[in-house]
Amino acid sequence: MRRTAALVLAVVAVLGGCSGDDATVSAAGGAPAAAAVTPDAPTSPASPASPAADTAAGPRPIPVDDTVPVRVRIPAIGVDSGLETLHREDDGRLAAPQDWQSAGWFAGGPVPGASGPAVLAGHVDSPDGPAVFADLARLRPGDRVEVELGDGAVAVFEVDGSRTVPQADFPTDEVYGPVPDRQLRLITCHSFDEAAGHYVDNLVVFATAQDQ
């Protein structure tokens, strides 16, 4: 069975979860407590909200705004990706990045480099193999993450560490809750359960902005 990842970020207080089978596997992340709603069930491949249903539309264009992030670079794992801008859908969830090899920025949170916890998410695998965040688990404390804004400014972060978190008990407050400084979270799927046919955990990498 090939594992594919159609990342769906549920705007809920608890992680929505990676679900699906050989057609689609979705990953979900929590949302800021201020935007939290009642937890939803995981998105199925047949759901109208599933990215698999609207992939033909192509990636969302990056807004013409010099204050939004447009690119992320993670030299330690060879990531150099454009950023899609992720917004909540009518059902309260965020559409996934439509390009397997592009990460996405949660526009409901801070811009990377601003005060608070900015969030980037990406697929771990695809129908054709590894996706943009396939090697996220290889990041170690001290690794560098660069996020470029539309005006050419670059916010530089240093990895503090990472956590594998169960989707049934996603630490929403820890990931999206208020912080006094400038932080970044990188989220993807983790721990595929072959018997169940879907991911059961998420990997969250935590990083802190560095003065330049």
Protein backbone atom coordinates (compact mmCIF):
# COMPACT_ATOMS: atom_id res chain seq x y z
CA MET A 1 0.00 0.00 0.00
CA ARG A 2 1.45 3.36 -0.93
CA ARG A 3 1.17 6.01 1.73
CA THR A 4 0.04 9.35 0.40
CA ALA A 5 -0.47 12.51 2.41
CA ALA A 6 -3.16 15.09 1.75
CA LEU A 7 -2.57 17.44 4.67
CA VAL A 8 -5.75 18.92 6.15
CA LEU A 9 -5.32 21.33 9.03
CA ALA A 10 -8.40 21.18 11.21
CA VAL A 11 -9.19 24.42 13.01
CA VAL A 12 -10.12 22.69 16.22
CA ALA A 13 -8.94 22.52 19.80
CA VAL A 14 -7.74 18.95 19.29
CA LEU A 15 -5.75 17.54 16.40
CA GLY A 16 -8.09 16.31 13.68
CA GLY A 17 -5.79 13.46 12.77
CA CYS A 18 -4.31 11.74 9.74
CA SER A 19 -6.90 9.50 8.18
CA GLY A 20 -7.49 7.60 4.99
CA ASP A 21 -6.10 4.58 3.17
CA ASP A 22 -4.22 3.95 -0.05
CA ALA A 23 -6.09 6.79 -1.73
CA THR A 24 -5.44 9.65 0.66
CA VAL A 25 -3.91 10.15 4.06
CA SER A 26 -4.63 13.48 5.71
CA ALA A 27 -2.74 15.21 8.50
CA ALA A 28 -4.23 17.79 10.78
CA GLY A 29 -3.05 20.37 13.22
CA GLY A 30 -4.77 22.38 15.87
CA ALA A 31 -5.54 26.09 15.66
CA PRO A 32 -5.05 29.00 18.01
CA ALA A 33 -7.26 28.73 21.05
CA ALA A 34 -8.99 31.96 20.08
CA ALA A 35 -10.11 30.39 16.82
CA ALA A 36 -10.94 26.96 18.18
CA VAL A 37 -14.28 25.34 17.48
CA THR A 38 -15.81 22.00 18.36
CA PRO A 39 -13.54 19.15 17.18
CA ASP A 40 -14.40 17.69 13.79
CA ALA A 41 -14.10 14.14 12.58
CA PRO A 42 -11.08 13.42 10.36
CA THR A 43 -11.54 14.23 6.70
CA SER A 44 -12.09 11.21 4.50
CA PRO A 45 -10.82 10.93 0.92
CA ALA A 46 -14.40 11.28 -0.39
CA SER A 47 -15.15 14.41 1.61
CA PRO A 48 -15.76 17.59 -0.43
CA ALA A 49 -13.28 19.33 1.89
CA SER A 50 -10.52 16.89 1.03
CA PRO A 51 -7.63 18.43 -0.96
CA ALA A 52 -7.83 15.40 -3.25
CA ALA A 53 -11.17 16.69 -4.47
CA ASP A 54 -9.89 20.08 -5.61
CA THR A 55 -6.29 19.42 -6.59
CA ALA A 56 -7.14 20.23 -10.21
CA ALA A 57 -7.63 23.84 -9.24
CA GLY A 58 -3.87 24.12 -8.71
CA PRO A 59 -1.97 25.75 -5.85
CA ARG A 60 -3.42 28.88 -4.33
CA PRO A 61 -1.51 31.93 -5.60
CA ILE A 62 0.60 33.82 -3.08
CA PRO A 63 -1.14 37.11 -2.27
CA VAL A 64 0.45 40.29 -3.60
CA ASP A 65 1.46 41.52 -0.17
CA ASP A 66 5.02 42.23 0.93
CA THR A 67 4.21 41.29 4.53
CA VAL A 68 3.35 37.63 3.92
CA PRO A 69 5.86 34.77 3.86
CA VAL A 70 6.63 33.49 0.39
CA ARG A 71 9.44 30.95 0.86
CA VAL A 72 10.96 28.65 3.45
CA ARG A 73 14.50 27.30 3.39
CA ILE A 74 15.82 24.60 5.73
CA PRO A 75 19.43 23.90 4.67
CA ALA A 76 19.98 20.90 6.97
CA ILE A 77 17.36 18.84 5.11
CA GLY A 78 17.53 20.47 1.68
CA VAL A 79 14.16 22.24 1.80
CA ASP A 80 13.78 25.30 -0.45
CA SER A 81 10.06 25.72 -1.01
CA GLY A 82 7.58 28.36 -1.97
CA LEU A 83 4.78 28.90 0.54
CA GLU A 84 1.09 28.63 -0.15
CA THR A 85 -1.17 30.73 2.05
CA LEU A 86 -3.59 28.53 3.99
CA HIS A 87 -7.00 29.85 5.00
CA ARG A 88 -9.92 28.29 6.81
CA GLU A 89 -12.70 26.83 4.71
CA ASP A 90 -16.40 27.31 5.49
CA ASP A 91 -16.36 24.20 7.68
CA GLY A 92 -13.67 25.69 9.90
CA ARG A 93 -10.72 23.77 8.48
CA LEU A 94 -7.69 24.94 6.55
CA ALA A 95 -7.20 23.70 3.02
CA ALA A 96 -3.97 21.75 2.62
CA PRO A 97 -1.09 22.90 0.44
CA GLN A 98 -2.20 21.73 -2.98
CA ASP A 99 1.34 21.16 -4.21
CA TRP A 100 2.95 18.14 -2.55
CA GLN A 101 6.32 19.87 -2.68
CA SER A 102 5.18 23.21 -1.26
CA ALA A 103 4.70 24.04 2.39
CA GLY A 104 1.92 26.34 3.55
CA TRP A 105 1.62 29.18 6.05
CA PHE A 106 -1.37 29.37 8.42
CA ALA A 107 -2.59 32.91 7.70
CA GLY A 108 -4.75 32.90 10.83
CA GLY A 109 -1.61 33.12 12.94
CA PRO A 110 1.38 35.47 13.08
CA VAL A 111 3.64 36.18 10.14
CA PRO A 112 6.98 34.43 10.72
CA GLY A 113 9.26 36.87 12.47
CA ALA A 114 6.42 38.67 14.26
CA SER A 115 5.68 38.09 17.92
CA GLY A 116 3.90 34.82 18.59
CA PRO A 117 3.90 31.27 17.17
CA ALA A 118 3.88 31.28 13.35
CA VAL A 119 2.90 27.94 11.81
CA LEU A 120 4.06 26.25 8.59
CA ALA A 121 2.73 22.85 7.51
CA GLY A 122 3.58 20.48 4.70
CA HIS A 123 3.07 16.99 3.32
CA VAL A 124 5.40 14.21 4.42
CA ASP A 125 4.82 12.04 1.35
CA SER A 126 2.95 12.00 -1.93
CA PRO A 127 1.64 9.55 -4.56
CA ASP A 128 5.10 9.66 -6.16
CA GLY A 129 7.34 9.53 -3.10
CA PRO A 130 8.71 11.91 -0.48
CA ALA A 131 7.07 15.34 -0.17
CA VAL A 132 8.35 18.69 1.05
CA PHE A 133 8.59 17.84 4.76
CA ALA A 134 9.68 14.20 4.33
CA ASP A 135 12.87 14.76 6.33
CA LEU A 136 11.50 17.06 9.02
CA ALA A 137 12.29 14.44 11.69
CA ARG A 138 16.00 14.81 10.91
CA LEU A 139 16.11 18.38 12.24
CA ARG A 140 18.14 18.87 15.40
CA PRO A 141 18.53 21.74 17.88
CA GLY A 142 20.57 24.52 16.34
CA ASP A 143 19.49 23.84 12.74
CA ARG A 144 18.55 26.95 10.81
CA VAL A 145 15.18 27.77 9.25
CA GLU A 146 14.81 30.82 7.01
CA VAL A 147 11.44 32.30 6.04
CA GLU A 148 11.46 34.95 3.30
CA LEU A 149 8.76 37.62 3.17
CA GLY A 150 7.35 39.27 0.08
CA ASP A 151 9.48 42.37 0.60
CA GLY A 152 12.68 40.32 0.58
CA ALA A 153 13.21 40.39 4.35
CA VAL A 154 14.25 37.06 5.86
CA ALA A 155 13.23 35.84 9.32
CA VAL A 156 15.82 33.42 10.68
CA PHE A 157 14.92 30.78 13.25
CA GLU A 158 16.94 28.20 15.17
CA VAL A 159 15.42 24.82 15.94
CA ASP A 160 14.88 24.24 19.65
CA GLY A 161 13.62 20.69 19.39
CA SER A 162 10.70 18.58 18.22
CA ARG A 163 7.87 16.44 19.55
CA THR A 164 5.92 13.53 18.16
CA VAL A 165 2.36 14.07 19.33
CA PRO A 166 -0.63 11.72 19.15
CA GLN A 167 -3.44 13.04 17.01
CA ALA A 168 -5.96 12.01 19.64
CA ASP A 169 -4.31 14.36 22.14
CA PHE A 170 -2.80 17.18 20.12
CA PRO A 171 -1.18 19.86 22.37
CA THR A 172 -3.07 22.80 20.90
CA ASP A 173 -2.10 25.29 23.59
CA GLU A 174 1.58 24.40 23.36
CA VAL A 175 1.67 24.70 19.58
CA TYR A 176 -0.67 27.65 19.01
CA GLY A 177 -0.88 29.34 22.41
CA PRO A 178 0.52 32.82 23.14
CA VAL A 179 4.28 33.18 23.60
CA PRO A 180 6.24 36.32 24.52
CA ASP A 181 8.79 36.03 21.75
CA ARG A 182 9.00 35.21 18.02
CA GLN A 183 8.60 31.51 17.37
CA LEU A 184 7.93 29.08 14.53
CA ARG A 185 6.29 25.67 14.37
CA LEU A 186 6.73 23.22 11.48
CA ILE A 187 4.10 20.46 11.31
CA THR A 188 3.74 17.28 9.28
CA CYS A 189 2.45 13.69 9.58
CA HIS A 190 4.42 11.09 11.51
CA SER A 191 4.12 7.43 12.56
CA PHE A 192 2.17 5.57 9.88
CA ASP A 193 0.13 2.66 11.21
CA GLU A 194 0.26 -0.06 8.56
CA ALA A 195 -2.54 -2.06 10.15
CA ALA A 196 -4.86 0.92 10.44
CA GLY A 197 -3.81 2.36 7.07
CA HIS A 198 -3.26 5.92 8.27
CA TYR A 199 -0.99 8.20 10.27
CA VAL A 200 -1.56 8.29 14.00
CA ASP A 201 0.83 11.04 15.08
CA ASN A 202 2.08 14.44 14.00
CA LEU A 203 5.61 15.76 14.19
CA VAL A 204 5.94 19.32 15.49
CA VAL A 205 9.28 21.13 15.24
CA PHE A 206 9.73 24.18 17.47
CA ALA A 207 12.06 27.04 16.56
CA THR A 208 12.87 30.51 17.92
CA ALA A 209 13.72 33.64 15.94
CA GLN A 210 17.32 34.82 15.98
CA ASP A 211 18.50 38.43 16.00
CA GLN A 212 20.36 39.37 12.83
